[in-house]
C-alpha atoms as a PDB file:
ATOM      1  CA  MET A   1      97.790   0.681-117.782  1.00  0.00           C
ATOM      2  CA  SER A   2      99.069  -1.645-115.083  1.00  0.00           C
ATOM      3  CA  LYS A   3     102.276  -0.612-113.364  1.00  0.00           C
ATOM      4  CA  THR A   4     104.999  -2.143-111.269  1.00  0.00           C
ATOM      5  CA  GLN A   5     105.800  -0.514-107.927  1.00  0.00           C
ATOM      6  CA  LEU A   6     108.587  -1.568-105.569  1.00  0.00           C
ATOM      7  CA  THR A   7     109.013  -0.558-101.941  1.00  0.00           C
ATOM      8  CA  LEU A   8     112.527  -1.353-100.756  1.00  0.00           C
ATOM      9  CA  VAL A   9     113.097  -1.241 -96.984  1.00  0.00           C
ATOM     10  CA  LEU A  10     116.731  -0.696 -95.944  1.00  0.00           C
ATOM     11  CA  PRO A  11     117.215  -1.008 -92.162  1.00  0.00           C
ATOM     12  CA  GLY A  12     120.379   0.136 -90.476  1.00  0.00           C
ATOM     13  CA  ILE A  13     121.546   2.973 -92.702  1.00  0.00           C
ATOM     14  CA  ALA A  14     119.809   5.953 -91.084  1.00  0.00           C
ATOM     15  CA  ALA A  15     122.980   6.794 -89.145  1.00  0.00           C
ATOM     16  CA  ILE A  16     125.025   6.516 -92.364  1.00  0.00           C
ATOM     17  CA  LEU A  17     122.825   8.849 -94.390  1.00  0.00           C
ATOM     18  CA  THR A  18     122.599  11.498 -91.671  1.00  0.00           C
ATOM     19  CA  GLN A  19     126.385  11.997 -91.926  1.00  0.00           C
ATOM     20  CA  GLU A  20     127.043  14.102 -95.025  1.00  0.00           C
ATOM     21  CA  ILE A  21     130.568  12.735 -95.411  1.00  0.00           C
ATOM     22  CA  ASN A  22     129.175   9.212 -95.893  1.00  0.00           C
ATOM     23  CA  ARG A  23     127.092  10.216 -98.910  1.00  0.00           C
ATOM     24  CA  ASN A  24     130.286  10.477-100.949  1.00  0.00           C
ATOM     25  CA  VAL A  25     131.063   6.782-100.452  1.00  0.00           C
ATOM     26  CA  LEU A  26     127.616   5.328-101.131  1.00  0.00           C
ATOM     27  CA  PRO A  27     127.371   2.792-103.975  1.00  0.00           C
ATOM     28  CA  GLU A  28     126.905   4.531-107.325  1.00  0.00           C
ATOM     29  CA  SER A  29     123.456   3.137-108.119  1.00  0.00           C
ATOM     30  CA  LEU A  30     122.050   3.843-104.656  1.00  0.00           C
ATOM     31  CA  SER A  31     123.487   7.366-104.781  1.00  0.00           C
ATOM     32  CA  ARG A  32     121.875   8.025-108.182  1.00  0.00           C
ATOM     33  CA  ILE A  33     118.496   6.748-106.989  1.00  0.00           C
ATOM     34  CA  LEU A  34     118.552   8.931-103.870  1.00  0.00           C
ATOM     35  CA  LYS A  35     119.555  12.044-105.842  1.00  0.00           C
ATOM     36  CA  LYS A  36     116.601  11.528-108.218  1.00  0.00           C
ATOM     37  CA  SER A  37     114.156  10.945-105.355  1.00  0.00           C
ATOM     38  CA  LYS A  38     111.887  13.155-103.290  1.00  0.00           C
ATOM     39  CA  PHE A  39     112.617  12.763 -99.578  1.00  0.00           C
ATOM     40  CA  GLU A  40     109.964  12.689 -96.842  1.00  0.00           C
ATOM     41  CA  GLN A  41     111.090  12.526 -93.234  1.00  0.00           C
ATOM     42  CA  LYS A  42     109.560   9.733 -91.126  1.00  0.00           C
ATOM     43  CA  THR A  43     111.123   8.483 -87.908  1.00  0.00           C
ATOM     44  CA  PHE A  44     109.207   5.199 -87.618  1.00  0.00           C
ATOM     45  CA  SER A  45     111.014   2.084 -86.437  1.00  0.00           C
ATOM     46  CA  LEU A  46     111.290  -0.931 -88.735  1.00  0.00           C
ATOM     47  CA  SER A  47     108.491  -2.814 -86.962  1.00  0.00           C
ATOM     48  CA  HIS A  48     106.219   0.240 -87.062  1.00  0.00           C
ATOM     49  CA  LEU A  49     106.829   0.573 -90.805  1.00  0.00           C
ATOM     50  CA  LEU A  50     106.050  -3.083 -91.439  1.00  0.00           C
ATOM     51  CA  PHE A  51     102.846  -2.991 -89.398  1.00  0.00           C
ATOM     52  CA  ASN A  52     101.629   0.071 -91.288  1.00  0.00           C
ATOM     53  CA  HIS A  53     102.293  -1.658 -94.611  1.00  0.00           C
ATOM     54  CA  PHE A  54      99.871  -4.454 -93.727  1.00  0.00           C
ATOM     55  CA  SER A  55      97.318  -2.686 -91.515  1.00  0.00           C
ATOM     56  CA  GLN A  56      93.953  -1.324 -92.590  1.00  0.00           C
ATOM     57  CA  LYS A  57      94.515   1.650 -90.277  1.00  0.00           C
ATOM     58  CA  PRO A  58      97.887   3.377 -89.686  1.00  0.00           C
ATOM     59  CA  LEU A  59      99.221   2.981 -86.173  1.00  0.00           C
ATOM     60  CA  ILE A  60      98.892   6.329 -84.426  1.00  0.00           C
ATOM     61  CA  ASN A  61     100.919   5.699 -81.254  1.00  0.00           C
ATOM     62  CA  ASN A  62     104.202   4.104 -80.212  1.00  0.00           C
ATOM     63  CA  ASP A  63     102.807   0.677 -79.400  1.00  0.00           C
ATOM     64  CA  LEU A  64     102.636  -2.327 -81.732  1.00  0.00           C
ATOM     65  CA  PRO A  65      99.735  -4.845 -81.555  1.00  0.00           C
ATOM     66  CA  VAL A  66     102.009  -7.885 -81.450  1.00  0.00           C
ATOM     67  CA  VAL A  67      99.821  -9.878 -79.050  1.00  0.00           C
ATOM     68  CA  ASN A  68      96.765  -9.558 -81.280  1.00  0.00           C
ATOM     69  CA  LEU A  69      98.839 -10.413 -84.363  1.00  0.00           C
ATOM     70  CA  SER A  70     100.039 -13.626 -82.732  1.00  0.00           C
ATOM     71  CA  GLY A  71      96.435 -14.839 -82.452  1.00  0.00           C
ATOM     72  CA  ILE A  72      96.405 -15.246 -78.666  1.00  0.00           C
ATOM     73  CA  GLN A  73      92.849 -15.122 -77.353  1.00  0.00           C
ATOM     74  CA  GLY A  74      91.938 -13.047 -74.294  1.00  0.00           C
ATOM     75  CA  SER A  75      93.294  -9.893 -72.673  1.00  0.00           C
ATOM     76  CA  PHE A  76      97.088 -10.009 -72.638  1.00  0.00           C
ATOM     77  CA  VAL A  77      99.982  -7.571 -72.774  1.00  0.00           C
ATOM     78  CA  ARG A  78     103.674  -8.223 -73.235  1.00  0.00           C
ATOM     79  CA  ALA A  79     105.651  -7.886 -69.991  1.00  0.00           C
ATOM     80  CA  ASP A  80     109.252  -8.358 -71.085  1.00  0.00           C
ATOM     81  CA  PRO A  81     112.297  -8.354 -68.774  1.00  0.00           C
ATOM     82  CA  CYS A  82     114.700  -5.460 -69.234  1.00  0.00           C
ATOM     83  CA  TYR A  83     117.488  -3.460 -67.620  1.00  0.00           C
ATOM     84  CA  LEU A  84     116.951   0.155 -66.538  1.00  0.00           C
ATOM     85  CA  HIS A  85     120.169   2.150 -66.299  1.00  0.00           C
ATOM     86  CA  ALA A  86     120.276   5.317 -64.194  1.00  0.00           C
ATOM     87  CA  ASP A  87     121.941   8.098 -66.199  1.00  0.00           C
ATOM     88  CA  ARG A  88     121.931  11.297 -64.134  1.00  0.00           C
ATOM     89  CA  ASP A  89     118.245  12.229 -63.950  1.00  0.00           C
ATOM     90  CA  LYS A  90     117.086   9.700 -66.574  1.00  0.00           C
ATOM     91  CA  LEU A  91     116.368   5.984 -66.745  1.00  0.00           C
ATOM     92  CA  LEU A  92     117.541   4.360 -69.982  1.00  0.00           C
ATOM     93  CA  LEU A  93     116.037   1.046 -71.092  1.00  0.00           C
ATOM     94  CA  PHE A  94     118.057  -1.845 -72.547  1.00  0.00           C
ATOM     95  CA  SER A  95     116.775  -5.272 -73.538  1.00  0.00           C
ATOM     96  CA  GLN A  96     118.773  -6.422 -76.567  1.00  0.00           C
ATOM     97  CA  GLY A  97     121.315  -9.092 -75.706  1.00  0.00           C
ATOM     98  CA  LEU A  98     119.802  -9.644 -72.258  1.00  0.00           C
ATOM     99  CA  GLU A  99     120.241 -13.406 -72.172  1.00  0.00           C
ATOM    100  CA  LEU A 100     118.461 -15.492 -69.521  1.00  0.00           C
ATOM    101  CA  SER A 101     118.710 -19.183 -68.820  1.00  0.00           C
ATOM    102  CA  ASP A 102     115.560 -21.257 -68.266  1.00  0.00           C
ATOM    103  CA  ASP A 103     116.200 -21.267 -64.507  1.00  0.00           C
ATOM    104  CA  GLU A 104     116.850 -17.521 -64.380  1.00  0.00           C
ATOM    105  CA  ALA A 105     113.670 -16.727 -66.304  1.00  0.00           C
ATOM    106  CA  GLU A 106     111.603 -18.949 -64.030  1.00  0.00           C
ATOM    107  CA  GLU A 107     113.140 -17.429 -60.893  1.00  0.00           C
ATOM    108  CA  LEU A 108     112.376 -13.912 -62.119  1.00  0.00           C
ATOM    109  CA  VAL A 109     108.783 -14.852 -62.893  1.00  0.00           C
ATOM    110  CA  GLN A 110     108.353 -16.195 -59.365  1.00  0.00           C
ATOM    111  CA  GLU A 111     109.805 -12.960 -57.922  1.00  0.00           C
ATOM    112  CA  VAL A 112     107.167 -10.741 -59.515  1.00  0.00           C
ATOM    113  CA  GLN A 113     104.097 -13.012 -59.660  1.00  0.00           C
ATOM    114  CA  PRO A 114     102.750 -11.902 -56.228  1.00  0.00           C
ATOM    115  CA  LEU A 115     102.696  -8.258 -57.357  1.00  0.00           C
ATOM    116  CA  LEU A 116     100.406  -8.809 -60.341  1.00  0.00           C
ATOM    117  CA  THR A 117      97.094  -9.690 -58.700  1.00  0.00           C
ATOM    118  CA  ASP A 118      95.467  -6.257 -59.117  1.00  0.00           C
ATOM    119  CA  LEU A 119      95.953  -6.009 -62.886  1.00  0.00           C
ATOM    120  CA  GLY A 120      96.716  -9.528 -64.009  1.00  0.00           C
ATOM    121  CA  THR A 121      96.384 -13.178 -63.154  1.00  0.00           C
ATOM    122  CA  GLY A 122      99.942 -14.267 -63.870  1.00  0.00           C
ATOM    123  CA  LEU A 123     102.854 -14.381 -66.268  1.00  0.00           C
ATOM    124  CA  THR A 124     103.523 -16.953 -68.968  1.00  0.00           C
ATOM    125  CA  LYS A 125     106.721 -17.257 -70.997  1.00  0.00           C
ATOM    126  CA  GLN A 126     106.744 -17.324 -74.765  1.00  0.00           C
ATOM    127  CA  SER A 127     110.529 -17.469 -74.471  1.00  0.00           C
ATOM    128  CA  ASN A 128     113.005 -16.625 -71.724  1.00  0.00           C
ATOM    129  CA  THR A 129     112.906 -12.932 -72.670  1.00  0.00           C
ATOM    130  CA  GLU A 130     109.354 -12.643 -74.040  1.00  0.00           C
ATOM    131  CA  TRP A 131     106.650 -12.818 -71.396  1.00  0.00           C
ATOM    132  CA  LEU A 132     102.880 -12.331 -71.401  1.00  0.00           C
ATOM    133  CA  LEU A 133     100.740 -10.920 -68.596  1.00  0.00           C
ATOM    134  CA  ASN A 134      97.179 -12.276 -68.527  1.00  0.00           C
ATOM    135  CA  LEU A 135      95.034  -9.258 -67.621  1.00  0.00           C
ATOM    136  CA  THR A 136      91.944  -9.249 -65.426  1.00  0.00           C
ATOM    137  CA  HIS A 137      90.454  -6.703 -67.872  1.00  0.00           C
ATOM    138  CA  PRO A 138      91.679  -4.884 -71.016  1.00  0.00           C
ATOM    139  CA  ALA A 139      94.218  -2.199 -70.135  1.00  0.00           C
ATOM    140  CA  ASP A 140      92.769   1.314 -70.382  1.00  0.00           C
ATOM    141  CA  VAL A 141      96.156   2.864 -71.185  1.00  0.00           C
ATOM    142  CA  THR A 142      98.421   3.347 -74.167  1.00  0.00           C
ATOM    143  CA  PHE A 143     101.810   1.617 -74.022  1.00  0.00           C
ATOM    144  CA  SER A 144     104.981   2.025 -76.090  1.00  0.00           C
ATOM    145  CA  ALA A 145     106.683  -0.820 -77.951  1.00  0.00           C
ATOM    146  CA  MET A 146     110.010  -1.918 -76.508  1.00  0.00           C
ATOM    147  CA  GLU A 147     111.697  -1.379 -79.884  1.00  0.00           C
ATOM    148  CA  GLU A 148     110.748   2.307 -79.708  1.00  0.00           C
ATOM    149  CA  VAL A 149     112.224   2.691 -76.226  1.00  0.00           C
ATOM    150  CA  GLU A 150     115.451   0.676 -76.629  1.00  0.00           C
ATOM    151  CA  GLY A 151     118.401   2.788 -75.496  1.00  0.00           C
ATOM    152  CA  GLN A 152     116.137   5.772 -74.781  1.00  0.00           C
ATOM    153  CA  ALA A 153     115.041   7.586 -71.647  1.00  0.00           C
ATOM    154  CA  VAL A 154     111.790   5.934 -70.564  1.00  0.00           C
ATOM    155  CA  ASP A 155     109.864   8.992 -69.330  1.00  0.00           C
ATOM    156  CA  PRO A 156     108.295   9.982 -72.698  1.00  0.00           C
ATOM    157  CA  PHE A 157     107.236   6.370 -73.263  1.00  0.00           C
ATOM    158  CA  LEU A 158     105.539   5.542 -69.951  1.00  0.00           C
ATOM    159  CA  PRO A 159     101.871   4.418 -70.060  1.00  0.00           C
ATOM    160  CA  SER A 160      99.311   7.157 -70.614  1.00  0.00           C
ATOM    161  CA  GLY A 161      95.570   7.101 -70.117  1.00  0.00           C
ATOM    162  CA  LYS A 162      92.935   6.474 -67.481  1.00  0.00           C
ATOM    163  CA  GLU A 163      94.780   3.669 -65.647  1.00  0.00           C
ATOM    164  CA  ARG A 164      98.220   5.284 -65.880  1.00  0.00           C
ATOM    165  CA  GLY A 165      98.581   5.524 -62.083  1.00  0.00           C
ATOM    166  CA  GLU A 166      97.877   1.818 -61.519  1.00  0.00           C
ATOM    167  CA  TRP A 167     100.375   0.699 -64.166  1.00  0.00           C
ATOM    168  CA  LEU A 168     103.086   3.051 -62.927  1.00  0.00           C
ATOM    169  CA  ARG A 169     102.569   1.820 -59.386  1.00  0.00           C
ATOM    170  CA  LEU A 170     102.964  -1.801 -60.522  1.00  0.00           C
ATOM    171  CA  TRP A 171     106.041  -0.861 -62.598  1.00  0.00           C
ATOM    172  CA  ASN A 172     107.681   0.769 -59.560  1.00  0.00           C
ATOM    173  CA  GLU A 173     106.809  -2.129 -57.249  1.00  0.00           C
ATOM    174  CA  ILE A 174     108.432  -4.582 -59.679  1.00  0.00           C
ATOM    175  CA  GLN A 175     111.628  -2.506 -59.711  1.00  0.00           C
ATOM    176  CA  MET A 176     111.770  -2.444 -55.920  1.00  0.00           C
ATOM    177  CA  GLN A 177     111.174  -6.204 -55.750  1.00  0.00           C
ATOM    178  CA  LEU A 178     113.931  -6.960 -58.263  1.00  0.00           C
ATOM    179  CA  TYR A 179     116.491  -4.492 -56.909  1.00  0.00           C
ATOM    180  CA  ASN A 180     117.825  -6.821 -54.210  1.00  0.00           C
ATOM    181  CA  ALA A 181     116.624 -10.122 -55.698  1.00  0.00           C
ATOM    182  CA  ASP A 182     119.114 -12.957 -55.261  1.00  0.00           C
ATOM    183  CA  ILE A 183     119.165 -13.656 -58.991  1.00  0.00           C
ATOM    184  CA  ASN A 184     120.361 -10.121 -59.742  1.00  0.00           C
ATOM    185  CA  GLN A 185     123.070 -10.310 -57.100  1.00  0.00           C
ATOM    186  CA  ARG A 186     124.320 -13.478 -58.794  1.00  0.00           C
ATOM    187  CA  ARG A 187     124.155 -11.894 -62.252  1.00  0.00           C
ATOM    188  CA  LEU A 188     126.140  -8.875 -61.063  1.00  0.00           C
ATOM    189  CA  ALA A 189     128.763 -11.176 -59.530  1.00  0.00           C
ATOM    190  CA  GLN A 190     129.027 -12.868 -62.944  1.00  0.00           C
ATOM    191  CA  ASN A 191     129.455  -9.480 -64.704  1.00  0.00           C
ATOM    192  CA  LYS A 192     125.994  -9.768 -66.268  1.00  0.00           C
ATOM    193  CA  LEU A 193     123.407  -7.010 -66.454  1.00  0.00           C
ATOM    194  CA  PRO A 194     120.702  -7.328 -63.810  1.00  0.00           C
ATOM    195  CA  VAL A 195     117.053  -7.673 -64.794  1.00  0.00           C
ATOM    196  CA  ASN A 196     115.572  -4.880 -62.719  1.00  0.00           C
ATOM    197  CA  SER A 197     112.255  -4.191 -64.454  1.00  0.00           C
ATOM    198  CA  LEU A 198     109.565  -5.363 -66.853  1.00  0.00           C
ATOM    199  CA  TRP A 199     108.332  -3.341 -69.821  1.00  0.00           C
ATOM    200  CA  PHE A 200     104.630  -3.511 -70.662  1.00  0.00           C
ATOM    201  CA  TRP A 201     103.671  -3.197 -74.338  1.00  0.00           C
ATOM    202  CA  GLY A 202     102.112  -4.964 -77.327  1.00  0.00           C
ATOM    203  CA  ALA A 203      98.421  -4.173 -76.798  1.00  0.00           C
ATOM    204  CA  GLY A 204      95.845  -3.005 -79.336  1.00  0.00           C
ATOM    205  CA  GLU A 205      93.978  -4.489 -82.267  1.00  0.00           C
ATOM    206  CA  PHE A 206      95.476  -5.408 -85.626  1.00  0.00           C
ATOM    207  CA  GLU A 207      93.238  -5.436 -88.707  1.00  0.00           C
ATOM    208  CA  PRO A 208      95.194  -6.846 -91.668  1.00  0.00           C
ATOM    209  CA  ASN A 209      94.712  -5.442 -95.156  1.00  0.00           C
ATOM    210  CA  SER A 210      94.703  -8.337 -97.607  1.00  0.00           C
ATOM    211  CA  SER A 211      94.709  -6.319-100.825  1.00  0.00           C
ATOM    212  CA  VAL A 212      97.897  -4.235-100.615  1.00  0.00           C
ATOM    213  CA  TRP A 213     100.831  -6.304-101.858  1.00  0.00           C
ATOM    214  CA  THR A 214     101.301  -8.576-104.845  1.00  0.00           C
ATOM    215  CA  SER A 215     104.309 -10.106-103.088  1.00  0.00           C
ATOM    216  CA  ALA A 216     106.630  -9.577-100.147  1.00  0.00           C
ATOM    217  CA  ARG A 217     110.103 -10.877 -99.469  1.00  0.00           C
ATOM    218  CA  GLY A 218     112.624 -10.617 -96.643  1.00  0.00           C
ATOM    219  CA  ASP A 219     114.006 -12.532 -93.686  1.00  0.00           C
ATOM    220  CA  SER A 220     111.976 -11.335 -90.707  1.00  0.00           C
ATOM    221  CA  ALA A 221     109.765 -13.148 -88.198  1.00  0.00           C
ATOM    222  CA  LEU A 222     107.441 -10.132 -88.026  1.00  0.00           C
ATOM    223  CA  LEU A 223     107.179  -9.949 -91.820  1.00  0.00           C
ATOM    224  CA  GLU A 224     106.360 -13.649 -91.861  1.00  0.00           C
ATOM    225  CA  GLN A 225     103.487 -13.095 -89.417  1.00  0.00           C
ATOM    226  CA  LEU A 226     102.174 -10.073 -91.308  1.00  0.00           C
ATOM    227  CA  THR A 227     102.197 -11.777 -94.702  1.00  0.00           C
ATOM    228  CA  SER A 228     100.415 -14.773 -93.219  1.00  0.00           C
ATOM    229  CA  ALA A 229      97.753 -12.612 -91.535  1.00  0.00           C
ATOM    230  CA  SER A 230      97.118 -10.642 -94.743  1.00  0.00           C
ATOM    231  CA  ASN A 231      97.329 -13.623 -97.135  1.00  0.00           C
ATOM    232  CA  THR A 232     100.194 -11.948 -98.994  1.00  0.00           C
ATOM    233  CA  LEU A 233     102.371 -14.073-101.247  1.00  0.00           C
ATOM    234  CA  LYS A 234     105.822 -14.524 -99.678  1.00  0.00           C
ATOM    235  CA  VAL A 235     108.416 -15.155-102.389  1.00  0.00           C
ATOM    236  CA  GLU A 236     112.125 -15.829-102.667  1.00  0.00           C
ATOM    237  CA  VAL A 237     114.468 -12.973-103.487  1.00  0.00           C
ATOM    238  CA  ASP A 238     114.470 -12.140-107.197  1.00  0.00           C
ATOM    239  CA  THR A 239     115.287  -8.797-108.797  1.00  0.00           C
ATOM    240  CA  GLN A 240     112.716  -9.226-111.573  1.00  0.00           C
ATOM    241  CA  PHE A 241     109.244  -7.965-110.659  1.00  0.00           C
ATOM    242  CA  SER A 242     105.878  -8.676-112.223  1.00  0.00           C
ATOM    243  CA  VAL A 243     103.093  -6.109-112.569  1.00  0.00           C
ATOM    244  CA  GLY A 244     101.781  -5.089-109.148  1.00  0.00           C
ATOM    245  CA  LYS A 245     103.029  -3.773-105.801  1.00  0.00           C
ATOM    246  CA  HIS A 246     106.019  -5.490-104.232  1.00  0.00           C
ATOM    247  CA  LEU A 247     107.658  -5.126-100.816  1.00  0.00           C
ATOM    248  CA  TRP A 248     111.289  -6.129-100.286  1.00  0.00           C
ATOM    249  CA  LEU A 249     112.867  -6.017 -96.828  1.00  0.00           C
ATOM    250  CA  ILE A 250     116.681  -6.099 -97.085  1.00  0.00           C
ATOM    251  CA  ASP A 251     118.851  -7.615 -94.346  1.00  0.00           C
ATOM    252  CA  PRO A 252     119.940  -4.815 -91.969  1.00  0.00           C
ATOM    253  CA  VAL A 253     123.233  -3.057 -92.628  1.00  0.00           C
ATOM    254  CA  ASP A 254     125.584  -3.536 -89.661  1.00  0.00           C
ATOM    255  CA  THR A 255     127.142  -0.145 -89.011  1.00  0.00           C
ATOM    256  CA  GLU A 256     129.424  -1.652 -86.346  1.00  0.00           C
ATOM    257  CA  SER A 257     131.288  -3.651 -88.997  1.00  0.00           C
ATOM    258  CA  ASP A 258     132.380  -2.975 -92.605  1.00  0.00           C
ATOM    259  CA  TRP A 259     129.144  -1.387 -93.799  1.00  0.00           C
ATOM    260  CA  GLN A 260     130.737  -0.123 -97.002  1.00  0.00           C
ATOM    261  CA  LYS A 261     131.541  -3.694 -98.007  1.00  0.00           C
ATOM    262  CA  GLN A 262     127.977  -4.772 -97.244  1.00  0.00           C
ATOM    263  CA  LEU A 263     126.528  -1.915 -99.306  1.00  0.00           C
ATOM    264  CA  SER A 264     128.925  -2.759-102.150  1.00  0.00           C
ATOM    265  CA  LEU A 265     127.510  -6.270-102.173  1.00  0.00           C
ATOM    266  CA  TYR A 266     123.986  -4.828-102.321  1.00  0.00           C
ATOM    267  CA  GLU A 267     125.130  -2.584-105.182  1.00  0.00           C
ATOM    268  CA  ASN A 268     125.684  -5.578-107.458  1.00  0.00           C
ATOM    269  CA  THR A 269     122.803  -7.753-106.278  1.00  0.00           C
ATOM    270  CA  ILE A 270     120.087  -5.163-105.565  1.00  0.00           C
ATOM    271  CA  PHE A 271     120.681  -1.497-106.393  1.00  0.00           C
ATOM    272  CA  LYS A 272     122.163  -1.864-109.882  1.00  0.00           C
ATOM    273  CA  PRO A 273     119.494  -4.301-111.177  1.00  0.00           C
ATOM    274  CA  ILE A 274     116.721  -2.113-109.725  1.00  0.00           C
ATOM    275  CA  LEU A 275     118.171   1.065-111.226  1.00  0.00           C
ATOM    276  CA  LYS A 276     118.381  -0.675-114.608  1.00  0.00           C
ATOM    277  CA  GLN A 277     114.690  -1.645-114.448  1.00  0.00           C
ATOM    278  CA  LEU A 278     113.740   1.858-113.305  1.00  0.00           C
ATOM    279  CA  SER A 279     115.600   3.442-116.245  1.00  0.00           C
ATOM    280  CA  ARG A 280     113.844   1.106-118.689  1.00  0.00           C
ATOM    281  CA  GLY A 281     110.393   1.762-117.232  1.00  0.00           C
ATOM    282  CA  GLN A 282     110.031  -1.830-116.030  1.00  0.00           C
ATOM    283  CA  ILE A 283     109.629  -0.399-112.530  1.00  0.00           C
ATOM    284  CA  LYS A 284     107.345   2.636-112.707  1.00  0.00           C
ATOM    285  CA  LYS A 285     107.625   3.743-109.081  1.00  0.00           C
ATOM    286  CA  LEU A 286     110.344   3.064-106.531  1.00  0.00           C
ATOM    287  CA  ILE A 287     110.130   3.852-102.807  1.00  0.00           C
ATOM    288  CA  ILE A 288     113.181   3.358-100.597  1.00  0.00           C
ATOM    289  CA  GLU A 289     112.329   3.428 -96.900  1.00  0.00           C
ATOM    290  CA  ILE A 290     114.970   3.992 -94.236  1.00  0.00           C
ATOM    291  CA  PRO A 291     113.657   3.179 -90.729  1.00  0.00           C
ATOM    292  CA  GLN A 292     114.295   6.013 -88.245  1.00  0.00           C
ATOM    293  CA  LEU A 293     114.892   8.454 -91.121  1.00  0.00           C
ATOM    294  CA  GLY A 294     112.307   8.609 -93.914  1.00  0.00           C
ATOM    295  CA  SER A 295     111.395   7.600 -97.451  1.00  0.00           C
ATOM    296  CA  TYR A 296     112.794   8.384-100.905  1.00  0.00           C
ATOM    297  CA  LYS A 297     110.294   8.252-103.771  1.00  0.00           C
ATOM    298  CA  THR A 298     111.030   8.334-107.482  1.00  0.00           C
ATOM    299  CA  THR A 299     109.510   7.194-110.767  1.00  0.00           C
ATOM    300  CA  SER A 300     110.884   6.007-114.090  1.00  0.00           C
ATOM    301  CA  LEU A 301     109.966   9.435-115.503  1.00  0.00           C
ATOM    302  CA  ASP A 302     111.915  11.231-112.756  1.00  0.00           C
ATOM    303  CA  TYR A 303     114.995   9.195-113.656  1.00  0.00           C
ATOM    304  CA  TRP A 304     115.251  10.893-117.070  1.00  0.00           C
ATOM    305  CA  LYS A 305     114.768  14.438-115.798  1.00  0.00           C
ATOM    306  CA  PHE A 306     118.242  15.829-116.318  1.00  0.00           C
ATOM    307  CA  TRP A 307     117.457  18.929-114.205  1.00  0.00           C
ATOM    308  CA  SER A 308     116.630  16.936-111.043  1.00  0.00           C
END
């Protein structure tokens, strides 16, 4: 018998659910679903989760094959500008909100171009904060995606593998070059964060799986790329689901604002209709995934188990 399965991805609420006091103010339907579900801890980022949902092989390291997904031909790696903040004996990486003008981006590229000749042939800009390094040969190291490192100490995420020494040497040379660069002196004078490093990431191969999802929905540039690569039907938001496997990425919950109000809105438009379909057996299996936390799995049969 054919069944309907829904995977609901809820970014932004890991911090909410890890505080026990917050569980008492969750929307009623969401709370009931979670209580009936079996929890499995997984600390993947949102992008890592999405890649694994559309990949033939699960990603086994911290990097994400974004260059290969974009269809760019040749040996490239992302080399994105970032800010490294010294915190006692650690370097913390920040890139979100690091705005650069066209002139600033071009000036930074010119600062570091002469340092790249051993490993690459030059930088090109996809945008002012997304850069590509054209490699002389495929990198024999494993990188870590910037999303995984954001706000974290960089040491556990530095390149590993045969060419580790060469990449670390280049990384250090870039920091020394940018430390006293005129552009960073101007940015500091304007109360802006300096751009004092580049972060290398985005290598690896991506093999899309075209037979996983009946449909996918959600507002995400990465999801758009993944559905296109896997020939998955991208549909508008609708809380009625046909037979098959469906993926629904919800807009992230903003924990810096009134997250209770946002979850209350989702209660009426998402959680309550889904719970109703689960109780009626119209959805046979429901998986709620919380990036950076884990997954909650339940079935229509589990819903009626009064002892669970």
